[in-house]
Each structure stands twice: as structure tokens, then as C-alpha cells.
Amino acid sequence: MQTPLHAPTPVLRRVWSVVASSVLAVWVGAVLATVLGFGIAWAVITLTQMLKQ
């Protein structure tokens, strides 16, 4: 017995998923870059102060 084919995903839903995943990727990248930037700046400032002593 043959099973019926699943209906294809509408184009609008595909476009929406691509846009949503792109926005999430950019947002996560921006948050990661900010956190890493602050962490590296803190490490540089701390090590510089330690060298001055």
C-alpha cells in the first residue's frame, strides 16, 4: 500500500525560517563578541596593572 506524499512547505515559511535563523545567528554573534571583548579587555587591564607593581 502506497502512502500519500507530504505537502511541500510553503515558500513564505521557508523564507521566514531563513530570515529568523539569520537574525538569531547575528544576535548570538553580537552577544558573544561583546562578552569576549569585555573579557579580553578585563584581562589586559588586570595583567597590565600586575606588571606595573
Protein backbone atom coordinates (compact mmCIF):
# COMPACT_ATOMS: atom_id res chain seq x y z
CA MET A 1 0.00 0.00 0.00
CA GLN A 2 1.49 3.32 -1.05
CA THR A 3 1.47 6.23 1.41
CA PRO A 4 0.42 9.73 0.32
CA LEU A 5 3.12 12.32 -0.21
CA HIS A 6 3.53 15.04 2.38
CA ALA A 7 2.52 18.51 1.23
CA PRO A 8 5.53 20.73 0.41
CA THR A 9 6.42 23.58 2.72
CA PRO A 10 5.14 26.96 1.51
CA VAL A 11 7.76 29.36 0.14
CA LEU A 12 6.82 32.08 2.63
CA ARG A 13 7.50 29.74 5.55
CA ARG A 14 10.91 28.81 4.08
CA VAL A 15 11.84 32.47 3.63
CA TRP A 16 10.66 33.26 7.16
CA SER A 17 12.79 30.45 8.61
CA VAL A 18 15.88 31.66 6.74
CA VAL A 19 15.34 35.25 7.93
CA ALA A 20 14.66 34.19 11.52
CA SER A 21 17.71 31.93 11.70
CA SER A 22 19.91 34.65 10.20
CA VAL A 23 18.70 37.21 12.73
CA LEU A 24 19.30 34.78 15.58
CA ALA A 25 22.79 33.97 14.31
CA VAL A 26 23.70 37.66 14.07
CA TRP A 27 22.25 38.37 17.54
CA VAL A 28 24.12 35.48 19.17
CA GLY A 29 27.32 36.53 17.40
CA ALA A 30 26.95 40.10 18.65
CA VAL A 31 26.38 38.94 22.22
CA LEU A 32 29.37 36.61 22.05
CA ALA A 33 31.59 39.32 20.60
CA THR A 34 30.55 41.75 23.33
CA VAL A 35 31.18 39.26 26.13
CA LEU A 36 34.53 38.22 24.67
CA GLY A 37 35.53 41.85 24.15
CA PHE A 38 34.81 42.75 27.76
CA GLY A 39 36.59 39.63 28.99
CA ILE A 40 39.71 40.30 26.94
CA ALA A 41 39.73 43.98 27.94
CA TRP A 42 39.42 42.99 31.61
CA ALA A 43 42.29 40.50 31.26
CA VAL A 44 44.55 43.05 29.55
CA ILE A 45 43.81 45.72 32.17
CA THR A 46 44.39 43.27 35.03
CA LEU A 47 47.66 41.96 33.60
CA THR A 48 48.88 45.48 32.85
CA GLN A 49 48.21 46.54 36.44
CA MET A 50 50.03 43.45 37.69
CA LEU A 51 53.07 44.30 35.57
CA LYS A 52 53.17 47.86 36.90
CA GLN A 53 53.52 46.64 40.51
